[in-house]
Amino acid sequence: MFELALYPISFLVMLLLMLPHIGLIGVRISIDANMSHAFIKQACKIAPLFICLLLLALQEQEGLSYFLLLVPIALLFLPLVIQVNDSAHLSVEISYFRPHSCKIHLTQIDQDFTRSCAIELLQLIDLLREKNVTKVTLSSPLFLKGKKLRKMSTFLQVLEKKNVHITSTPTTWLRFPFATFMLGLHKYLLRKPTMQSITITHWHTYTLHL
């Protein structure tokens, strides 16, 4: 009887973890927040699920139940997503295990990299430096037009004037399977205009060393 109650409770907690704003998926945190406290808060959200799964494992004594304990551990590897404000064009993805390195993405998958995005990126670089971030990675098929790299010489020169060392490398889409799937959804199913000139399987990465 106790075991039967744990299954729906575990399922409910898992659903709560996936809800925006209160769960783990899609949560946006202010860049001014204390990162250590934010990670601890995220880890505490996993505690009820971990306890439920542990009790199930102790009840059943089966290998599969113990395997389920990997779920809350895996959730610890979810990065924090940081934004300057709610209307920000860019999101910063940072990991607890690599606090001096982060990834920057467009907030909306179908938006273009506009002048506003470039200005916001320059502001972000200053804010991230204050938080001791030394490496920023930007990966996207938007850096390419067809199979050719878009001209970004002026923007890259501005970054160099801010003492940012830049490396540029082509990247396989296999590193971003979920993002590639979402791009394909927006391009072929939703037919978003901004996606029609993008080859979703051709990615390029700029690494900024601050």
C-alpha atoms as a PDB file:
ATOM      1  CA  MET A   1       0.000   0.000   0.000  1.00  0.00           C
ATOM      2  CA  PHE A   2       2.823   2.372   0.943  1.00  0.00           C
ATOM      3  CA  GLU A   3       4.550   1.508  -2.307  1.00  0.00           C
ATOM      4  CA  LEU A   4       1.419   2.237  -4.383  1.00  0.00           C
ATOM      5  CA  ALA A   5       1.222   5.724  -2.883  1.00  0.00           C
ATOM      6  CA  LEU A   6       4.869   6.450  -3.713  1.00  0.00           C
ATOM      7  CA  TYR A   7       4.437   5.915  -7.460  1.00  0.00           C
ATOM      8  CA  PRO A   8       1.888   8.739  -8.029  1.00  0.00           C
ATOM      9  CA  ILE A   9       3.778  11.011  -5.607  1.00  0.00           C
ATOM     10  CA  SER A  10       7.022  10.455  -7.542  1.00  0.00           C
ATOM     11  CA  PHE A  11       5.218  11.132 -10.826  1.00  0.00           C
ATOM     12  CA  LEU A  12       3.663  14.323  -9.422  1.00  0.00           C
ATOM     13  CA  VAL A  13       7.006  15.611  -8.154  1.00  0.00           C
ATOM     14  CA  MET A  14       8.576  14.866 -11.551  1.00  0.00           C
ATOM     15  CA  LEU A  15       5.853  16.904 -13.258  1.00  0.00           C
ATOM     16  CA  LEU A  16       6.402  19.800 -10.846  1.00  0.00           C
ATOM     17  CA  LEU A  17      10.118  19.773 -11.666  1.00  0.00           C
ATOM     18  CA  MET A  18       9.238  20.265 -15.327  1.00  0.00           C
ATOM     19  CA  LEU A  19       6.880  23.214 -14.835  1.00  0.00           C
ATOM     20  CA  PRO A  20       8.206  26.642 -15.889  1.00  0.00           C
ATOM     21  CA  HIS A  21       8.966  29.250 -13.225  1.00  0.00           C
ATOM     22  CA  ILE A  22       8.817  26.768 -10.315  1.00  0.00           C
ATOM     23  CA  GLY A  23      10.532  23.664 -11.696  1.00  0.00           C
ATOM     24  CA  LEU A  24      13.917  22.966 -13.243  1.00  0.00           C
ATOM     25  CA  ILE A  25      13.083  23.180 -16.939  1.00  0.00           C
ATOM     26  CA  GLY A  26      13.054  26.601 -18.593  1.00  0.00           C
ATOM     27  CA  VAL A  27      13.683  28.560 -15.386  1.00  0.00           C
ATOM     28  CA  ARG A  28      15.286  31.974 -15.968  1.00  0.00           C
ATOM     29  CA  ILE A  29      17.438  33.503 -13.230  1.00  0.00           C
ATOM     30  CA  SER A  30      18.581  37.119 -13.017  1.00  0.00           C
ATOM     31  CA  ILE A  31      22.249  37.693 -13.781  1.00  0.00           C
ATOM     32  CA  ASP A  32      22.476  39.622 -10.494  1.00  0.00           C
ATOM     33  CA  ALA A  33      21.519  36.526  -8.478  1.00  0.00           C
ATOM     34  CA  ASN A  34      24.000  34.704  -6.276  1.00  0.00           C
ATOM     35  CA  MET A  35      24.934  31.745  -8.466  1.00  0.00           C
ATOM     36  CA  SER A  36      25.918  29.451  -5.578  1.00  0.00           C
ATOM     37  CA  HIS A  37      22.587  30.048  -3.840  1.00  0.00           C
ATOM     38  CA  ALA A  38      20.729  29.511  -7.127  1.00  0.00           C
ATOM     39  CA  PHE A  39      22.376  26.119  -7.661  1.00  0.00           C
ATOM     40  CA  ILE A  40      21.622  25.071  -4.064  1.00  0.00           C
ATOM     41  CA  LYS A  41      17.987  26.106  -4.551  1.00  0.00           C
ATOM     42  CA  GLN A  42      17.789  24.010  -7.726  1.00  0.00           C
ATOM     43  CA  ALA A  43      19.332  21.008  -5.955  1.00  0.00           C
ATOM     44  CA  CYS A  44      16.835  21.332  -3.083  1.00  0.00           C
ATOM     45  CA  LYS A  45      13.977  21.040  -5.584  1.00  0.00           C
ATOM     46  CA  ILE A  46      15.236  17.551  -6.438  1.00  0.00           C
ATOM     47  CA  ALA A  47      15.196  16.366  -2.811  1.00  0.00           C
ATOM     48  CA  PRO A  48      11.492  15.179  -2.677  1.00  0.00           C
ATOM     49  CA  LEU A  49      11.929  13.128  -5.844  1.00  0.00           C
ATOM     50  CA  PHE A  50      15.166  11.653  -4.576  1.00  0.00           C
ATOM     51  CA  ILE A  51      13.519  10.623  -1.282  1.00  0.00           C
ATOM     52  CA  CYS A  52      10.533   9.030  -3.067  1.00  0.00           C
ATOM     53  CA  LEU A  53      12.757   7.047  -5.414  1.00  0.00           C
ATOM     54  CA  LEU A  54      14.999   5.969  -2.554  1.00  0.00           C
ATOM     55  CA  LEU A  55      11.994   4.674  -0.591  1.00  0.00           C
ATOM     56  CA  LEU A  56      10.789   2.786  -3.663  1.00  0.00           C
ATOM     57  CA  ALA A  57      14.206   1.214  -4.084  1.00  0.00           C
ATOM     58  CA  LEU A  58      14.266   0.121  -0.447  1.00  0.00           C
ATOM     59  CA  GLN A  59      10.749  -1.350  -0.797  1.00  0.00           C
ATOM     60  CA  GLU A  60      11.276  -3.335  -3.983  1.00  0.00           C
ATOM     61  CA  GLN A  61      14.950  -4.284  -3.730  1.00  0.00           C
ATOM     62  CA  GLU A  62      15.160  -4.461  -7.528  1.00  0.00           C
ATOM     63  CA  GLY A  63      17.923  -3.330  -9.849  1.00  0.00           C
ATOM     64  CA  LEU A  64      15.572  -1.090 -11.820  1.00  0.00           C
ATOM     65  CA  SER A  65      14.547   0.816  -8.701  1.00  0.00           C
ATOM     66  CA  TYR A  66      18.170   1.525  -7.843  1.00  0.00           C
ATOM     67  CA  PHE A  67      18.735   2.623 -11.424  1.00  0.00           C
ATOM     68  CA  LEU A  68      15.963   5.215 -10.927  1.00  0.00           C
ATOM     69  CA  LEU A  69      18.171   6.903  -8.330  1.00  0.00           C
ATOM     70  CA  LEU A  70      20.227   8.187 -11.257  1.00  0.00           C
ATOM     71  CA  VAL A  71      17.339  10.492 -12.217  1.00  0.00           C
ATOM     72  CA  PRO A  72      17.842  13.116  -9.476  1.00  0.00           C
ATOM     73  CA  ILE A  73      21.613  12.846  -9.911  1.00  0.00           C
ATOM     74  CA  ALA A  74      21.218  13.509 -13.648  1.00  0.00           C
ATOM     75  CA  LEU A  75      19.016  16.532 -12.901  1.00  0.00           C
ATOM     76  CA  LEU A  76      21.897  18.068 -10.970  1.00  0.00           C
ATOM     77  CA  PHE A  77      23.718  18.435 -14.279  1.00  0.00           C
ATOM     78  CA  LEU A  78      21.024  20.725 -15.700  1.00  0.00           C
ATOM     79  CA  PRO A  79      22.568  24.172 -16.195  1.00  0.00           C
ATOM     80  CA  LEU A  80      21.220  27.431 -14.852  1.00  0.00           C
ATOM     81  CA  VAL A  81      19.760  29.748 -17.483  1.00  0.00           C
ATOM     82  CA  ILE A  82      20.478  33.410 -16.758  1.00  0.00           C
ATOM     83  CA  GLN A  83      19.009  36.541 -18.359  1.00  0.00           C
ATOM     84  CA  VAL A  84      19.622  40.240 -17.821  1.00  0.00           C
ATOM     85  CA  ASN A  85      15.838  40.824 -17.710  1.00  0.00           C
ATOM     86  CA  ASP A  86      12.564  39.332 -18.970  1.00  0.00           C
ATOM     87  CA  SER A  87      12.859  41.068 -22.368  1.00  0.00           C
ATOM     88  CA  ALA A  88      16.481  40.010 -22.977  1.00  0.00           C
ATOM     89  CA  HIS A  89      17.450  38.774 -26.436  1.00  0.00           C
ATOM     90  CA  LEU A  90      20.159  36.466 -25.051  1.00  0.00           C
ATOM     91  CA  SER A  91      20.288  33.746 -22.410  1.00  0.00           C
ATOM     92  CA  VAL A  92      23.384  32.563 -20.562  1.00  0.00           C
ATOM     93  CA  GLU A  93      23.724  28.879 -19.731  1.00  0.00           C
ATOM     94  CA  ILE A  94      26.119  28.085 -16.887  1.00  0.00           C
ATOM     95  CA  SER A  95      27.041  24.841 -15.129  1.00  0.00           C
ATOM     96  CA  TYR A  96      27.765  24.297 -11.436  1.00  0.00           C
ATOM     97  CA  PHE A  97      30.687  22.092 -12.395  1.00  0.00           C
ATOM     98  CA  ARG A  98      32.254  24.657 -14.769  1.00  0.00           C
ATOM     99  CA  PRO A  99      31.493  28.067 -13.221  1.00  0.00           C
ATOM    100  CA  HIS A 100      34.159  29.909 -15.244  1.00  0.00           C
ATOM    101  CA  SER A 101      32.728  28.819 -18.584  1.00  0.00           C
ATOM    102  CA  CYS A 102      29.297  29.497 -20.076  1.00  0.00           C
ATOM    103  CA  LYS A 103      27.252  29.284 -23.265  1.00  0.00           C
ATOM    104  CA  ILE A 104      25.165  32.093 -24.724  1.00  0.00           C
ATOM    105  CA  HIS A 105      22.029  31.416 -26.787  1.00  0.00           C
ATOM    106  CA  LEU A 106      19.293  33.455 -28.409  1.00  0.00           C
ATOM    107  CA  THR A 107      16.300  33.550 -26.056  1.00  0.00           C
ATOM    108  CA  GLN A 108      13.890  32.669 -28.866  1.00  0.00           C
ATOM    109  CA  ILE A 109      15.036  29.915 -31.202  1.00  0.00           C
ATOM    110  CA  ASP A 110      13.545  31.585 -34.298  1.00  0.00           C
ATOM    111  CA  GLN A 111      14.878  35.105 -33.720  1.00  0.00           C
ATOM    112  CA  ASP A 112      17.708  36.607 -35.753  1.00  0.00           C
ATOM    113  CA  PHE A 113      21.054  37.834 -34.424  1.00  0.00           C
ATOM    114  CA  THR A 114      20.326  41.552 -34.708  1.00  0.00           C
ATOM    115  CA  ARG A 115      22.204  44.718 -33.735  1.00  0.00           C
ATOM    116  CA  SER A 116      20.301  44.665 -30.421  1.00  0.00           C
ATOM    117  CA  CYS A 117      21.643  41.157 -29.758  1.00  0.00           C
ATOM    118  CA  ALA A 118      25.198  42.328 -30.506  1.00  0.00           C
ATOM    119  CA  ILE A 119      24.880  45.294 -28.107  1.00  0.00           C
ATOM    120  CA  GLU A 120      23.439  43.041 -25.402  1.00  0.00           C
ATOM    121  CA  LEU A 121      26.293  40.571 -25.892  1.00  0.00           C
ATOM    122  CA  LEU A 122      28.851  43.332 -25.308  1.00  0.00           C
ATOM    123  CA  GLN A 123      27.055  44.280 -22.078  1.00  0.00           C
ATOM    124  CA  LEU A 124      26.906  40.628 -21.028  1.00  0.00           C
ATOM    125  CA  ILE A 125      30.647  40.237 -21.469  1.00  0.00           C
ATOM    126  CA  ASP A 126      31.283  42.972 -18.890  1.00  0.00           C
ATOM    127  CA  LEU A 127      28.788  41.429 -16.448  1.00  0.00           C
ATOM    128  CA  LEU A 128      30.216  37.923 -16.885  1.00  0.00           C
ATOM    129  CA  ARG A 129      33.756  39.177 -16.317  1.00  0.00           C
ATOM    130  CA  GLU A 130      32.602  40.540 -12.966  1.00  0.00           C
ATOM    131  CA  LYS A 131      31.459  36.995 -12.113  1.00  0.00           C
ATOM    132  CA  ASN A 132      34.892  35.576 -13.044  1.00  0.00           C
ATOM    133  CA  VAL A 133      33.683  33.916 -16.251  1.00  0.00           C
ATOM    134  CA  THR A 134      36.679  33.495 -18.567  1.00  0.00           C
ATOM    135  CA  LYS A 135      35.214  31.540 -21.487  1.00  0.00           C
ATOM    136  CA  VAL A 136      32.020  32.139 -23.467  1.00  0.00           C
ATOM    137  CA  THR A 137      30.810  29.836 -26.240  1.00  0.00           C
ATOM    138  CA  LEU A 138      28.350  30.802 -28.969  1.00  0.00           C
ATOM    139  CA  SER A 139      27.207  27.977 -31.271  1.00  0.00           C
ATOM    140  CA  SER A 140      24.562  28.401 -33.963  1.00  0.00           C
ATOM    141  CA  PRO A 141      23.717  27.717 -37.618  1.00  0.00           C
ATOM    142  CA  LEU A 142      22.777  31.423 -37.818  1.00  0.00           C
ATOM    143  CA  PHE A 143      26.471  32.243 -38.193  1.00  0.00           C
ATOM    144  CA  LEU A 144      26.299  30.602 -41.622  1.00  0.00           C
ATOM    145  CA  LYS A 145      24.482  31.600 -44.796  1.00  0.00           C
ATOM    146  CA  GLY A 146      24.064  28.361 -46.673  1.00  0.00           C
ATOM    147  CA  LYS A 147      27.477  26.767 -46.155  1.00  0.00           C
ATOM    148  CA  LYS A 148      29.438  30.031 -46.027  1.00  0.00           C
ATOM    149  CA  LEU A 149      30.310  31.920 -42.856  1.00  0.00           C
ATOM    150  CA  ARG A 150      28.507  35.246 -42.519  1.00  0.00           C
ATOM    151  CA  LYS A 151      30.669  38.371 -42.474  1.00  0.00           C
ATOM    152  CA  MET A 152      30.945  39.576 -38.885  1.00  0.00           C
ATOM    153  CA  SER A 153      34.271  41.402 -39.131  1.00  0.00           C
ATOM    154  CA  THR A 154      33.035  44.693 -37.585  1.00  0.00           C
ATOM    155  CA  PHE A 155      31.454  42.956 -34.608  1.00  0.00           C
ATOM    156  CA  LEU A 156      34.527  40.758 -34.059  1.00  0.00           C
ATOM    157  CA  GLN A 157      36.766  43.831 -34.167  1.00  0.00           C
ATOM    158  CA  VAL A 158      34.655  45.452 -31.439  1.00  0.00           C
ATOM    159  CA  LEU A 159      35.108  42.332 -29.300  1.00  0.00           C
ATOM    160  CA  GLU A 160      38.872  42.410 -29.832  1.00  0.00           C
ATOM    161  CA  LYS A 161      38.919  46.048 -28.667  1.00  0.00           C
ATOM    162  CA  LYS A 162      37.383  44.796 -25.411  1.00  0.00           C
ATOM    163  CA  ASN A 163      40.411  42.475 -25.034  1.00  0.00           C
ATOM    164  CA  VAL A 164      38.416  39.411 -26.022  1.00  0.00           C
ATOM    165  CA  HIS A 165      40.398  36.693 -27.821  1.00  0.00           C
ATOM    166  CA  ILE A 166      38.208  34.874 -30.350  1.00  0.00           C
ATOM    167  CA  THR A 167      38.540  31.415 -31.876  1.00  0.00           C
ATOM    168  CA  SER A 168      36.244  30.221 -34.652  1.00  0.00           C
ATOM    169  CA  THR A 169      35.530  26.596 -35.584  1.00  0.00           C
ATOM    170  CA  PRO A 170      32.894  24.641 -37.540  1.00  0.00           C
ATOM    171  CA  THR A 171      30.855  22.355 -35.279  1.00  0.00           C
ATOM    172  CA  THR A 172      28.860  19.203 -35.941  1.00  0.00           C
ATOM    173  CA  TRP A 173      25.109  19.384 -35.322  1.00  0.00           C
ATOM    174  CA  LEU A 174      25.415  16.078 -33.429  1.00  0.00           C
ATOM    175  CA  ARG A 175      26.597  18.095 -30.428  1.00  0.00           C
ATOM    176  CA  PHE A 176      23.204  19.838 -30.358  1.00  0.00           C
ATOM    177  CA  PRO A 177      20.595  17.153 -31.231  1.00  0.00           C
ATOM    178  CA  PHE A 178      17.704  18.741 -29.312  1.00  0.00           C
ATOM    179  CA  ALA A 179      18.407  22.259 -30.623  1.00  0.00           C
ATOM    180  CA  THR A 180      18.710  20.900 -34.183  1.00  0.00           C
ATOM    181  CA  PHE A 181      15.385  19.095 -33.759  1.00  0.00           C
ATOM    182  CA  MET A 182      13.716  22.315 -32.551  1.00  0.00           C
ATOM    183  CA  LEU A 183      15.219  24.271 -35.458  1.00  0.00           C
ATOM    184  CA  GLY A 184      13.864  21.656 -37.858  1.00  0.00           C
ATOM    185  CA  LEU A 185      10.436  21.959 -36.234  1.00  0.00           C
ATOM    186  CA  HIS A 186      10.442  25.744 -36.690  1.00  0.00           C
ATOM    187  CA  LYS A 187      11.756  25.522 -40.251  1.00  0.00           C
ATOM    188  CA  TYR A 188       9.826  22.651 -41.807  1.00  0.00           C
ATOM    189  CA  LEU A 189       6.659  22.358 -39.711  1.00  0.00           C
ATOM    190  CA  LEU A 190       5.998  25.897 -38.431  1.00  0.00           C
ATOM    191  CA  ARG A 191       7.575  27.462 -41.540  1.00  0.00           C
ATOM    192  CA  LYS A 192       9.121  30.389 -39.644  1.00  0.00           C
ATOM    193  CA  PRO A 193      10.477  32.956 -42.161  1.00  0.00           C
ATOM    194  CA  THR A 194      13.747  33.521 -40.257  1.00  0.00           C
ATOM    195  CA  MET A 195      14.539  29.810 -40.499  1.00  0.00           C
ATOM    196  CA  GLN A 196      14.124  29.359 -44.255  1.00  0.00           C
ATOM    197  CA  SER A 197      17.646  30.509 -45.186  1.00  0.00           C
ATOM    198  CA  ILE A 198      19.259  28.407 -42.424  1.00  0.00           C
ATOM    199  CA  THR A 199      20.816  24.989 -43.003  1.00  0.00           C
ATOM    200  CA  ILE A 200      20.073  23.418 -39.624  1.00  0.00           C
ATOM    201  CA  THR A 201      22.774  20.723 -39.896  1.00  0.00           C
ATOM    202  CA  HIS A 202      25.595  23.243 -40.410  1.00  0.00           C
ATOM    203  CA  TRP A 203      26.719  24.804 -37.131  1.00  0.00           C
ATOM    204  CA  HIS A 204      29.572  27.150 -36.280  1.00  0.00           C
ATOM    205  CA  THR A 205      31.100  28.026 -32.911  1.00  0.00           C
ATOM    206  CA  TYR A 206      32.751  31.222 -31.705  1.00  0.00           C
ATOM    207  CA  THR A 207      34.659  30.874 -28.444  1.00  0.00           C
ATOM    208  CA  LEU A 208      35.335  34.122 -26.584  1.00  0.00           C
ATOM    209  CA  HIS A 209      38.211  34.106 -24.104  1.00  0.00           C
ATOM    210  CA  LEU A 210      37.570  37.009 -21.733  1.00  0.00           C
END
